[in-house]
C-alpha cells in the first residue's frame, strides 16, 4: 500500500529531474553556441552588405580627416530575428561554420554544430560603433558585434505525458522557451579567412 502511494510521486520527481537536466543542457549549449557565433561574426564580413555596414558606421564622419579618432556617437545596425534579414550566405556561415551542415562537427565550427535546435530566425546580429580605431582604418571601422538568441524552445522528453496521467484536463506543457541571451565581441578585421579586406 505504501509503495502504491509513493511510486507515482517518485516517478514524477525522477521525471522532473531528468527533464530539468535536459533543459539545462540545452540552455547551456545554446549559450555556448552564441559565444561561438559572436567570435565568428567578429572575424567575418558583416552579415549585411559592406555598403550598408559602412554607411551606418561612418554616418557622421563628415568633417573628419584620415587618422582622426573614431567619433564616439552611438551608432548601431542589426540584422536577423525581428530586424532586416541578414545575408543568407553570411548567416549560413555563422550557423554551420561554413561546412553547410548542422551537427557534422566540421571546422570551422558553427552555432548549430553545438546546438542543432538553433535556426536563423532565432539569431539577431547587431554591430555597434565601439569608439576604437581611427578614420581610414583598413578593413573598416572597429565595431562591437553582439549575437543575440531569442525564441528558442526546449523540447521536453516525457514530462507532458507523465503529467497527463495525473491531471488529464489541462493545457499541454511540451516546451519551455529559453530566456534571451546575448554575447558581444569586439570586431577584428571583419573579413573572411579566404579574402583580404
N, C-alpha and C. Protein backbone atom coordinates (compact mmCIF):
# COMPACT_ATOMS: atom_id res chain seq x y z
N UNK A 1 0.83 -1.20 0.00
CA UNK A 1 0.00 0.00 0.00
C UNK A 1 0.87 1.26 0.00
N UNK A 2 1.92 1.22 0.84
CA UNK A 2 2.85 2.38 0.90
C UNK A 2 3.54 2.57 -0.45
N UNK A 3 3.92 1.46 -1.08
CA UNK A 3 4.58 1.54 -2.38
C UNK A 3 3.65 2.14 -3.42
N UNK A 4 2.37 1.79 -3.38
CA UNK A 4 1.41 2.34 -4.33
C UNK A 4 1.23 3.84 -4.15
N UNK A 5 1.35 4.31 -2.92
CA UNK A 5 1.22 5.74 -2.66
C UNK A 5 2.49 6.51 -3.06
N UNK A 6 3.65 5.91 -2.80
CA UNK A 6 4.91 6.61 -3.01
C UNK A 6 5.40 6.52 -4.47
N UNK A 7 5.12 5.42 -5.17
CA UNK A 7 5.66 5.21 -6.53
C UNK A 7 5.31 6.34 -7.50
N UNK A 8 4.05 6.81 -7.59
CA UNK A 8 3.78 7.92 -8.53
C UNK A 8 4.56 9.19 -8.21
N UNK A 9 4.73 9.46 -6.92
CA UNK A 9 5.48 10.66 -6.53
C UNK A 9 6.96 10.51 -6.91
N UNK A 10 7.53 9.33 -6.71
CA UNK A 10 8.93 9.08 -7.06
C UNK A 10 9.11 9.17 -8.58
N UNK A 11 8.19 8.58 -9.34
CA UNK A 11 8.28 8.64 -10.81
C UNK A 11 8.20 10.09 -11.29
N UNK A 12 7.29 10.86 -10.72
CA UNK A 12 7.16 12.26 -11.10
C UNK A 12 8.43 13.04 -10.74
N UNK A 13 8.99 12.79 -9.56
CA UNK A 13 10.20 13.50 -9.14
C UNK A 13 11.38 13.17 -10.06
N UNK A 14 11.54 11.90 -10.40
CA UNK A 14 12.63 11.49 -11.30
C UNK A 14 12.43 12.10 -12.69
N UNK A 15 11.19 12.08 -13.16
CA UNK A 15 10.89 12.66 -14.48
C UNK A 15 11.23 14.15 -14.51
N UNK A 16 10.83 14.87 -13.47
CA UNK A 16 11.12 16.31 -13.40
C UNK A 16 12.63 16.54 -13.38
N UNK A 17 13.38 15.74 -12.61
CA UNK A 17 14.83 15.91 -12.56
C UNK A 17 15.47 15.66 -13.92
N UNK A 18 15.03 14.61 -14.63
CA UNK A 18 15.58 14.32 -15.95
C UNK A 18 15.25 15.44 -16.93
N UNK A 19 13.99 15.88 -16.93
CA UNK A 19 13.57 16.95 -17.85
C UNK A 19 14.33 18.24 -17.57
N UNK A 20 14.48 18.61 -16.30
CA UNK A 20 15.22 19.83 -15.98
C UNK A 20 16.69 19.70 -16.35
N UNK A 21 17.25 18.50 -16.21
CA UNK A 21 18.63 18.27 -16.64
C UNK A 21 18.79 18.46 -18.14
N UNK A 22 17.85 17.92 -18.91
CA UNK A 22 17.88 18.08 -20.37
C UNK A 22 17.71 19.55 -20.74
N UNK A 23 16.78 20.24 -20.07
CA UNK A 23 16.55 21.66 -20.34
C UNK A 23 17.79 22.49 -20.03
N UNK A 24 18.46 22.21 -18.91
CA UNK A 24 19.68 22.94 -18.55
C UNK A 24 20.80 22.65 -19.54
N UNK A 25 20.88 21.41 -20.02
CA UNK A 25 21.89 21.07 -21.02
C UNK A 25 21.65 21.88 -22.30
N UNK A 26 20.39 21.92 -22.76
CA UNK A 26 20.09 22.66 -23.99
C UNK A 26 20.31 24.16 -23.79
N UNK A 27 19.99 24.67 -22.64
CA UNK A 27 20.22 26.09 -22.33
C UNK A 27 21.72 26.37 -22.38
N UNK A 28 22.51 25.54 -21.71
CA UNK A 28 23.96 25.73 -21.67
C UNK A 28 24.57 25.64 -23.07
N UNK A 29 24.13 24.68 -23.87
CA UNK A 29 24.64 24.54 -25.24
C UNK A 29 24.24 25.74 -26.09
N UNK A 30 23.06 26.29 -25.86
CA UNK A 30 22.63 27.47 -26.60
C UNK A 30 23.52 28.67 -26.29
N UNK A 31 23.85 28.85 -25.01
CA UNK A 31 24.74 29.95 -24.62
C UNK A 31 26.13 29.75 -25.22
N UNK A 32 26.64 28.53 -25.22
CA UNK A 32 27.93 28.25 -25.84
C UNK A 32 27.88 28.54 -27.33
N UNK A 33 26.77 28.21 -27.98
CA UNK A 33 26.62 28.48 -29.42
C UNK A 33 26.66 29.98 -29.70
N UNK A 34 26.07 30.79 -28.82
CA UNK A 34 26.10 32.24 -29.00
C UNK A 34 27.53 32.75 -28.90
N UNK A 35 28.31 32.21 -27.95
CA UNK A 35 29.71 32.60 -27.82
C UNK A 35 30.47 32.29 -29.10
N UNK A 36 30.23 31.12 -29.67
CA UNK A 36 30.88 30.74 -30.92
C UNK A 36 30.44 31.68 -32.04
N UNK A 37 29.15 31.99 -32.08
CA UNK A 37 28.62 32.90 -33.09
C UNK A 37 29.21 34.30 -32.99
N UNK A 38 29.35 34.82 -31.77
CA UNK A 38 29.92 36.16 -31.59
C UNK A 38 31.38 36.19 -32.04
N UNK A 39 32.12 35.14 -31.72
CA UNK A 39 33.52 35.07 -32.15
C UNK A 39 33.61 34.99 -33.67
N UNK A 40 32.78 34.14 -34.29
CA UNK A 40 32.80 34.01 -35.75
C UNK A 40 32.40 35.31 -36.43
N UNK A 41 31.38 35.99 -35.90
CA UNK A 41 30.93 37.24 -36.51
C UNK A 41 31.96 38.35 -36.37
N UNK A 42 32.76 38.31 -35.32
CA UNK A 42 33.74 39.37 -35.10
C UNK A 42 34.95 39.25 -36.03
N UNK A 43 35.12 38.10 -36.67
CA UNK A 43 36.25 37.93 -37.59
C UNK A 43 35.78 37.61 -39.01
N UNK A 44 34.51 37.85 -39.29
CA UNK A 44 33.94 37.59 -40.61
C UNK A 44 33.37 38.88 -41.18
N UNK A 45 33.11 38.85 -42.48
CA UNK A 45 32.48 40.01 -43.10
C UNK A 45 31.13 40.27 -42.45
N UNK A 46 30.69 41.53 -42.41
CA UNK A 46 29.38 41.83 -41.82
C UNK A 46 28.27 41.01 -42.50
N UNK A 47 27.24 40.71 -41.75
CA UNK A 47 26.14 39.90 -42.27
C UNK A 47 25.13 40.72 -43.07
N UNK A 48 25.55 41.89 -43.49
CA UNK A 48 24.80 42.69 -44.45
C UNK A 48 25.83 43.18 -45.46
N UNK A 49 25.44 43.92 -46.47
CA UNK A 49 26.41 44.37 -47.46
C UNK A 49 27.41 45.33 -46.82
N UNK A 50 28.60 45.39 -47.40
CA UNK A 50 29.62 46.33 -46.90
C UNK A 50 29.10 47.76 -46.98
N UNK A 51 28.39 48.06 -48.04
CA UNK A 51 27.87 49.42 -48.21
C UNK A 51 26.92 49.79 -47.08
N UNK A 52 26.03 48.89 -46.72
CA UNK A 52 25.08 49.14 -45.63
C UNK A 52 25.81 49.29 -44.31
N UNK A 53 26.77 48.39 -44.07
CA UNK A 53 27.55 48.43 -42.81
C UNK A 53 28.32 49.74 -42.70
N UNK A 54 29.07 50.08 -43.74
CA UNK A 54 29.90 51.29 -43.68
C UNK A 54 29.05 52.55 -43.64
N UNK A 55 27.93 52.56 -44.34
CA UNK A 55 27.06 53.74 -44.30
C UNK A 55 26.57 54.00 -42.88
N UNK A 56 26.25 52.94 -42.15
CA UNK A 56 25.79 53.10 -40.76
C UNK A 56 26.94 53.48 -39.84
N UNK A 57 28.05 52.77 -39.93
CA UNK A 57 29.17 53.00 -39.01
C UNK A 57 29.86 54.34 -39.25
N UNK A 58 29.84 54.82 -40.50
CA UNK A 58 30.53 56.08 -40.82
C UNK A 58 29.53 57.19 -41.14
N UNK A 59 28.34 57.11 -40.57
CA UNK A 59 27.27 58.05 -40.91
C UNK A 59 27.60 59.50 -40.54
N UNK A 60 28.39 59.72 -39.51
CA UNK A 60 28.68 61.10 -39.09
C UNK A 60 30.18 61.41 -39.18
N UNK A 61 30.85 60.83 -40.16
CA UNK A 61 32.29 61.05 -40.30
C UNK A 61 32.62 62.26 -41.15
N UNK A 62 31.62 62.99 -41.64
CA UNK A 62 31.94 64.17 -42.45
C UNK A 62 32.69 65.17 -41.58
N UNK A 63 33.68 65.78 -42.15
CA UNK A 63 34.50 66.74 -41.42
C UNK A 63 35.65 66.12 -40.66
N UNK A 64 35.80 64.79 -40.74
CA UNK A 64 36.93 64.14 -40.09
C UNK A 64 38.03 63.90 -41.11
N UNK A 65 39.24 63.82 -40.64
CA UNK A 65 40.38 63.57 -41.50
C UNK A 65 40.94 62.18 -41.27
N UNK A 66 41.61 61.67 -42.26
CA UNK A 66 42.27 60.37 -42.15
C UNK A 66 43.18 60.37 -40.92
N UNK A 67 43.04 59.36 -40.07
CA UNK A 67 43.86 59.24 -38.86
C UNK A 67 43.22 59.83 -37.62
N UNK A 68 42.12 60.59 -37.77
CA UNK A 68 41.40 61.11 -36.60
C UNK A 68 40.80 59.95 -35.81
N UNK A 69 40.61 60.13 -34.50
CA UNK A 69 39.92 59.07 -33.73
C UNK A 69 38.50 58.86 -34.23
N UNK A 70 38.01 57.65 -34.10
CA UNK A 70 36.63 57.35 -34.49
C UNK A 70 35.68 58.15 -33.62
N UNK A 71 34.69 58.82 -34.21
CA UNK A 71 33.70 59.52 -33.39
C UNK A 71 33.00 58.54 -32.43
N UNK A 72 32.67 59.03 -31.25
CA UNK A 72 32.15 58.13 -30.21
C UNK A 72 30.62 58.07 -30.15
N UNK A 73 29.92 58.73 -31.06
CA UNK A 73 28.45 58.69 -31.04
C UNK A 73 27.96 57.26 -31.19
N UNK A 74 26.86 56.95 -30.49
CA UNK A 74 26.30 55.59 -30.53
C UNK A 74 25.62 55.36 -31.87
N UNK A 75 26.12 54.37 -32.61
CA UNK A 75 25.56 54.00 -33.90
C UNK A 75 25.44 52.49 -33.92
N UNK A 76 24.26 51.97 -34.29
CA UNK A 76 24.07 50.52 -34.38
C UNK A 76 23.35 50.16 -35.67
N UNK A 77 23.58 48.94 -36.10
CA UNK A 77 22.85 48.37 -37.24
C UNK A 77 22.66 46.89 -36.95
N UNK A 78 21.47 46.37 -37.21
CA UNK A 78 21.15 44.98 -36.88
C UNK A 78 20.60 44.25 -38.09
N UNK A 79 20.69 42.93 -38.02
CA UNK A 79 20.01 42.07 -38.98
C UNK A 79 19.69 40.76 -38.29
N UNK A 80 18.68 40.10 -38.79
CA UNK A 80 18.29 38.81 -38.22
C UNK A 80 16.93 38.88 -37.57
N UNK A 81 16.73 38.08 -36.54
CA UNK A 81 15.43 37.93 -35.87
C UNK A 81 14.83 39.27 -35.47
N UNK A 82 13.65 39.57 -35.97
CA UNK A 82 12.96 40.80 -35.61
C UNK A 82 13.53 42.05 -36.24
N UNK A 83 14.43 41.91 -37.20
CA UNK A 83 15.05 43.05 -37.85
C UNK A 83 15.11 42.76 -39.35
N UNK A 84 15.88 43.58 -40.07
CA UNK A 84 16.03 43.30 -41.50
C UNK A 84 16.79 41.98 -41.68
N UNK A 85 16.52 41.25 -42.76
CA UNK A 85 17.18 39.95 -42.93
C UNK A 85 18.68 40.10 -43.16
N UNK A 86 19.42 39.14 -42.65
CA UNK A 86 20.86 39.08 -42.88
C UNK A 86 21.14 38.45 -44.23
N UNK A 87 22.35 38.66 -44.72
CA UNK A 87 22.80 37.97 -45.92
C UNK A 87 22.73 36.47 -45.67
N UNK A 88 22.07 35.74 -46.57
CA UNK A 88 21.84 34.31 -46.33
C UNK A 88 23.14 33.51 -46.27
N UNK A 89 24.12 33.86 -47.12
CA UNK A 89 25.41 33.14 -47.07
C UNK A 89 26.13 33.41 -45.76
N UNK A 90 26.10 34.67 -45.30
CA UNK A 90 26.74 35.02 -44.04
C UNK A 90 26.08 34.34 -42.85
N UNK A 91 24.76 34.30 -42.84
CA UNK A 91 24.04 33.63 -41.75
C UNK A 91 24.31 32.14 -41.77
N UNK A 92 24.36 31.55 -42.96
CA UNK A 92 24.67 30.13 -43.08
C UNK A 92 26.07 29.84 -42.55
N UNK A 93 27.01 30.73 -42.86
CA UNK A 93 28.38 30.58 -42.36
C UNK A 93 28.41 30.67 -40.83
N UNK A 94 27.63 31.59 -40.27
CA UNK A 94 27.57 31.75 -38.82
C UNK A 94 26.97 30.52 -38.16
N UNK A 95 25.90 29.98 -38.76
CA UNK A 95 25.22 28.82 -38.17
C UNK A 95 25.99 27.52 -38.36
N UNK A 96 26.45 27.26 -39.56
CA UNK A 96 27.05 25.94 -39.86
C UNK A 96 28.57 25.95 -39.82
N UNK A 97 29.17 27.12 -39.74
CA UNK A 97 30.63 27.19 -39.72
C UNK A 97 31.25 27.10 -41.10
N UNK A 98 30.43 27.04 -42.11
CA UNK A 98 30.95 27.02 -43.46
C UNK A 98 30.92 25.66 -44.13
N UNK A 99 30.66 24.60 -43.35
CA UNK A 99 30.60 23.28 -43.98
C UNK A 99 29.19 22.96 -44.50
N UNK A 100 28.23 23.85 -44.22
CA UNK A 100 26.89 23.71 -44.77
C UNK A 100 25.98 22.73 -44.06
N UNK A 101 26.42 22.16 -42.95
CA UNK A 101 25.59 21.17 -42.25
C UNK A 101 25.66 21.38 -40.74
N UNK A 102 24.53 21.21 -40.09
CA UNK A 102 24.49 21.30 -38.62
C UNK A 102 24.87 19.96 -38.01
N UNK A 103 25.63 20.01 -36.93
CA UNK A 103 25.94 18.81 -36.18
C UNK A 103 27.01 17.92 -36.78
N UNK A 104 27.60 18.33 -37.89
CA UNK A 104 28.62 17.48 -38.52
C UNK A 104 29.96 17.61 -37.81
N UNK A 105 30.19 18.74 -37.14
CA UNK A 105 31.43 18.91 -36.39
C UNK A 105 32.62 19.28 -37.26
N UNK A 106 32.38 19.72 -38.50
CA UNK A 106 33.49 20.15 -39.35
C UNK A 106 34.08 21.46 -38.86
N UNK A 107 35.24 21.79 -39.36
CA UNK A 107 35.88 23.04 -38.98
C UNK A 107 35.76 24.03 -40.11
N UNK A 108 35.55 25.30 -39.87
CA UNK A 108 35.32 25.89 -38.55
C UNK A 108 33.95 25.52 -38.01
N UNK A 109 33.84 25.53 -36.71
CA UNK A 109 32.60 25.12 -36.05
C UNK A 109 31.57 26.25 -36.11
N UNK A 110 30.31 25.90 -36.26
CA UNK A 110 29.23 26.87 -36.31
C UNK A 110 28.31 26.75 -35.10
N UNK A 111 27.36 27.66 -35.00
CA UNK A 111 26.45 27.68 -33.85
C UNK A 111 25.61 26.41 -33.78
N UNK A 112 25.08 25.94 -34.91
CA UNK A 112 24.21 24.77 -34.84
C UNK A 112 25.00 23.46 -34.80
N UNK A 113 26.32 23.52 -34.89
CA UNK A 113 27.13 22.33 -34.62
C UNK A 113 27.11 22.02 -33.12
N UNK A 114 26.97 23.06 -32.31
CA UNK A 114 26.92 22.91 -30.86
C UNK A 114 25.49 22.75 -30.37
N UNK A 115 24.58 23.49 -30.99
CA UNK A 115 23.16 23.47 -30.59
C UNK A 115 22.30 23.34 -31.85
N UNK A 116 22.03 22.10 -32.30
CA UNK A 116 21.33 21.90 -33.57
C UNK A 116 19.91 22.45 -33.63
N UNK A 117 19.33 22.84 -32.52
CA UNK A 117 17.97 23.37 -32.49
C UNK A 117 17.94 24.86 -32.84
N UNK A 118 19.08 25.52 -32.99
CA UNK A 118 19.12 26.94 -33.33
C UNK A 118 18.92 27.10 -34.83
N UNK A 119 18.05 28.03 -35.19
CA UNK A 119 17.76 28.34 -36.59
C UNK A 119 18.05 29.81 -36.86
N UNK A 120 18.13 30.19 -38.12
CA UNK A 120 18.43 31.57 -38.49
C UNK A 120 17.42 32.55 -37.90
N UNK A 121 16.16 32.14 -37.81
CA UNK A 121 15.14 33.05 -37.26
C UNK A 121 15.29 33.29 -35.76
N UNK A 122 16.18 32.57 -35.10
CA UNK A 122 16.43 32.77 -33.67
C UNK A 122 17.59 33.72 -33.40
N UNK A 123 18.33 34.11 -34.43
CA UNK A 123 19.60 34.84 -34.24
C UNK A 123 19.47 36.29 -34.71
N UNK A 124 19.84 37.22 -33.82
CA UNK A 124 19.91 38.64 -34.14
C UNK A 124 21.36 39.08 -34.00
N UNK A 125 21.91 39.70 -35.03
CA UNK A 125 23.29 40.18 -35.01
C UNK A 125 23.26 41.70 -35.08
N UNK A 126 23.93 42.35 -34.12
CA UNK A 126 23.97 43.81 -34.05
C UNK A 126 25.41 44.28 -34.07
N UNK A 127 25.69 45.25 -34.92
CA UNK A 127 27.00 45.89 -34.98
C UNK A 127 26.85 47.28 -34.37
N UNK A 128 27.68 47.61 -33.39
CA UNK A 128 27.64 48.92 -32.73
C UNK A 128 29.02 49.55 -32.84
N UNK A 129 29.04 50.84 -33.10
CA UNK A 129 30.33 51.51 -33.16
C UNK A 129 30.98 51.46 -31.78
N UNK A 130 32.22 51.04 -31.74
CA UNK A 130 32.89 50.84 -30.46
C UNK A 130 33.63 52.07 -29.96
N UNK A 131 33.94 53.00 -30.86
CA UNK A 131 34.76 54.15 -30.46
C UNK A 131 36.24 53.86 -30.53
N UNK A 132 36.60 52.64 -30.92
CA UNK A 132 38.00 52.27 -31.07
C UNK A 132 38.44 52.52 -32.51
N UNK A 133 39.72 52.59 -32.72
CA UNK A 133 40.25 52.73 -34.07
C UNK A 133 40.32 54.18 -34.51
N UNK A 134 40.46 54.36 -35.81
CA UNK A 134 40.66 55.70 -36.37
C UNK A 134 40.02 55.77 -37.75
N UNK A 135 39.79 56.99 -38.19
CA UNK A 135 39.20 57.21 -39.50
C UNK A 135 40.19 56.75 -40.56
N UNK A 136 39.70 55.97 -41.51
CA UNK A 136 40.55 55.46 -42.58
C UNK A 136 41.21 54.14 -42.25
N UNK A 137 40.82 53.51 -41.16
CA UNK A 137 41.40 52.23 -40.77
C UNK A 137 41.14 51.18 -41.86
N UNK A 138 42.17 50.43 -42.26
CA UNK A 138 41.92 49.35 -43.22
C UNK A 138 40.92 48.35 -42.65
N UNK A 139 40.13 47.76 -43.48
CA UNK A 139 39.10 46.79 -43.09
C UNK A 139 37.92 47.43 -42.37
N UNK A 140 37.77 48.73 -42.46
CA UNK A 140 36.60 49.39 -41.91
C UNK A 140 36.69 49.72 -40.43
N UNK A 141 35.65 50.36 -39.93
CA UNK A 141 35.64 50.77 -38.52
C UNK A 141 35.57 49.58 -37.57
N UNK A 142 36.13 49.76 -36.38
CA UNK A 142 36.04 48.74 -35.33
C UNK A 142 34.65 48.83 -34.72
N UNK A 143 33.98 47.70 -34.60
CA UNK A 143 32.65 47.70 -34.00
C UNK A 143 32.54 46.60 -32.96
N UNK A 144 31.54 46.73 -32.12
CA UNK A 144 31.22 45.68 -31.16
C UNK A 144 30.12 44.83 -31.80
N UNK A 145 30.38 43.55 -31.93
CA UNK A 145 29.43 42.64 -32.56
C UNK A 145 28.69 41.90 -31.45
N UNK A 146 27.37 41.99 -31.45
CA UNK A 146 26.55 41.31 -30.46
C UNK A 146 25.67 40.29 -31.17
N UNK A 147 25.75 39.06 -30.72
CA UNK A 147 24.89 38.00 -31.24
C UNK A 147 23.89 37.66 -30.14
N UNK A 148 22.61 37.72 -30.49
CA UNK A 148 21.55 37.50 -29.51
C UNK A 148 20.67 36.35 -29.97
N UNK A 149 20.27 35.54 -29.03
CA UNK A 149 19.43 34.39 -29.31
C UNK A 149 18.07 34.60 -28.66
N UNK A 150 17.00 34.37 -29.43
CA UNK A 150 15.66 34.54 -28.87
C UNK A 150 14.72 33.49 -29.42
N UNK A 151 13.65 33.25 -28.68
CA UNK A 151 12.57 32.34 -29.09
C UNK A 151 13.05 30.92 -29.37
N UNK A 152 14.02 30.45 -28.60
CA UNK A 152 14.47 29.06 -28.73
C UNK A 152 13.72 28.25 -27.68
N UNK A 153 13.09 27.17 -28.11
CA UNK A 153 12.30 26.35 -27.21
C UNK A 153 12.99 25.03 -26.93
N UNK A 154 12.94 24.61 -25.67
CA UNK A 154 13.47 23.32 -25.25
C UNK A 154 12.36 22.29 -25.39
N UNK A 155 12.63 21.24 -26.09
CA UNK A 155 11.65 20.15 -26.24
C UNK A 155 11.73 19.24 -25.01
N UNK A 156 10.61 19.04 -24.35
CA UNK A 156 10.57 18.14 -23.21
C UNK A 156 10.38 16.71 -23.69
N UNK A 157 11.05 15.78 -23.02
CA UNK A 157 11.02 14.39 -23.48
C UNK A 157 9.71 13.68 -23.13
N UNK A 158 9.37 13.67 -21.84
CA UNK A 158 8.17 12.91 -21.45
C UNK A 158 7.42 13.48 -20.27
N UNK A 159 7.77 14.66 -19.78
CA UNK A 159 7.07 15.25 -18.64
C UNK A 159 5.60 15.49 -18.95
N UNK A 160 5.31 15.91 -20.17
CA UNK A 160 3.93 16.18 -20.55
C UNK A 160 3.07 14.92 -20.46
N UNK A 161 3.64 13.79 -20.89
CA UNK A 161 2.88 12.52 -20.85
C UNK A 161 2.67 12.04 -19.41
N UNK A 162 3.68 12.26 -18.57
CA UNK A 162 3.55 11.84 -17.17
C UNK A 162 2.51 12.71 -16.46
N UNK A 163 2.54 14.03 -16.70
CA UNK A 163 1.56 14.91 -16.07
C UNK A 163 0.14 14.58 -16.54
N UNK A 164 0.01 14.12 -17.78
CA UNK A 164 -1.30 13.77 -18.31
C UNK A 164 -1.95 12.62 -17.53
N UNK A 165 -1.12 11.74 -16.97
CA UNK A 165 -1.65 10.64 -16.16
C UNK A 165 -2.30 11.16 -14.89
N UNK A 166 -1.74 12.23 -14.32
CA UNK A 166 -2.23 12.75 -13.05
C UNK A 166 -3.26 13.86 -13.21
N UNK A 167 -3.12 14.68 -14.27
CA UNK A 167 -4.03 15.81 -14.50
C UNK A 167 -4.50 15.74 -15.95
N UNK A 168 -5.54 14.97 -16.23
CA UNK A 168 -5.96 14.78 -17.62
C UNK A 168 -6.52 16.03 -18.30
N UNK A 169 -7.23 16.89 -17.60
CA UNK A 169 -7.83 18.09 -18.20
C UNK A 169 -6.95 19.31 -17.91
N UNK A 170 -5.94 19.49 -18.72
CA UNK A 170 -5.02 20.62 -18.54
C UNK A 170 -4.45 20.99 -19.90
N UNK A 171 -3.84 22.18 -19.98
CA UNK A 171 -3.21 22.59 -21.24
C UNK A 171 -1.87 21.86 -21.38
N UNK A 172 -1.46 21.57 -22.62
CA UNK A 172 -0.20 20.86 -22.82
C UNK A 172 1.00 21.67 -22.37
N UNK A 173 1.98 20.97 -21.87
CA UNK A 173 3.21 21.59 -21.35
C UNK A 173 4.38 20.90 -22.04
N UNK A 174 4.55 21.19 -23.33
CA UNK A 174 5.52 20.45 -24.10
C UNK A 174 6.85 21.16 -24.27
N UNK A 175 6.87 22.49 -24.19
CA UNK A 175 8.09 23.23 -24.47
C UNK A 175 8.32 24.32 -23.45
N UNK A 176 9.58 24.64 -23.24
CA UNK A 176 9.98 25.75 -22.39
C UNK A 176 10.81 26.68 -23.27
N UNK A 177 10.55 27.98 -23.23
CA UNK A 177 11.32 28.94 -24.02
C UNK A 177 12.54 29.37 -23.21
N UNK A 178 13.71 29.27 -23.83
CA UNK A 178 14.96 29.70 -23.18
C UNK A 178 14.97 31.22 -23.16
N UNK A 179 15.33 31.84 -22.03
CA UNK A 179 15.39 33.31 -21.99
C UNK A 179 16.38 33.85 -23.02
N UNK A 180 16.15 35.10 -23.44
CA UNK A 180 17.04 35.75 -24.41
C UNK A 180 18.44 35.86 -23.83
N UNK A 181 19.42 35.58 -24.67
CA UNK A 181 20.82 35.72 -24.28
C UNK A 181 21.56 36.48 -25.35
N UNK A 182 22.59 37.21 -24.95
CA UNK A 182 23.43 37.90 -25.93
C UNK A 182 24.88 37.84 -25.48
N UNK A 183 25.75 37.79 -26.48
CA UNK A 183 27.20 37.80 -26.25
C UNK A 183 27.80 38.81 -27.20
N UNK A 184 28.73 39.63 -26.70
CA UNK A 184 29.38 40.65 -27.52
C UNK A 184 30.86 40.38 -27.64
N UNK A 185 31.42 40.77 -28.77
CA UNK A 185 32.86 40.67 -29.02
C UNK A 185 33.27 41.87 -29.87
N UNK A 186 34.48 42.34 -29.67
CA UNK A 186 34.99 43.44 -30.48
C UNK A 186 35.47 42.90 -31.82
N UNK A 187 35.06 43.56 -32.89
CA UNK A 187 35.43 43.08 -34.22
C UNK A 187 36.94 43.20 -34.41
N UNK A 188 37.43 42.36 -35.31
CA UNK A 188 38.85 42.42 -35.64
C UNK A 188 38.99 42.97 -37.05
N UNK A 189 39.22 42.12 -38.05
CA UNK A 189 39.38 42.68 -39.39
C UNK A 189 38.13 42.58 -40.25
N UNK A 190 37.05 41.97 -39.76
CA UNK A 190 35.79 41.84 -40.49
C UNK A 190 36.00 41.38 -41.93
N UNK A 191 36.77 40.32 -42.07
CA UNK A 191 36.92 39.72 -43.40
C UNK A 191 37.00 38.22 -43.23
N UNK A 192 36.52 37.48 -44.22
CA UNK A 192 36.60 36.04 -44.17
C UNK A 192 38.04 35.61 -44.38
N UNK A 193 38.39 34.43 -43.91
CA UNK A 193 39.76 33.98 -43.97
C UNK A 193 40.27 33.83 -45.39
N UNK A 194 39.36 33.61 -46.35
CA UNK A 194 39.80 33.42 -47.72
C UNK A 194 39.83 34.72 -48.52
N UNK A 195 39.57 35.84 -47.87
CA UNK A 195 39.58 37.13 -48.57
C UNK A 195 40.40 38.12 -47.78
N UNK A 196 40.96 39.08 -48.46
CA UNK A 196 41.58 40.20 -47.75
C UNK A 196 40.63 41.38 -47.85
N UNK A 197 40.65 42.25 -46.85
CA UNK A 197 39.71 43.37 -46.89
C UNK A 197 40.26 44.51 -47.64
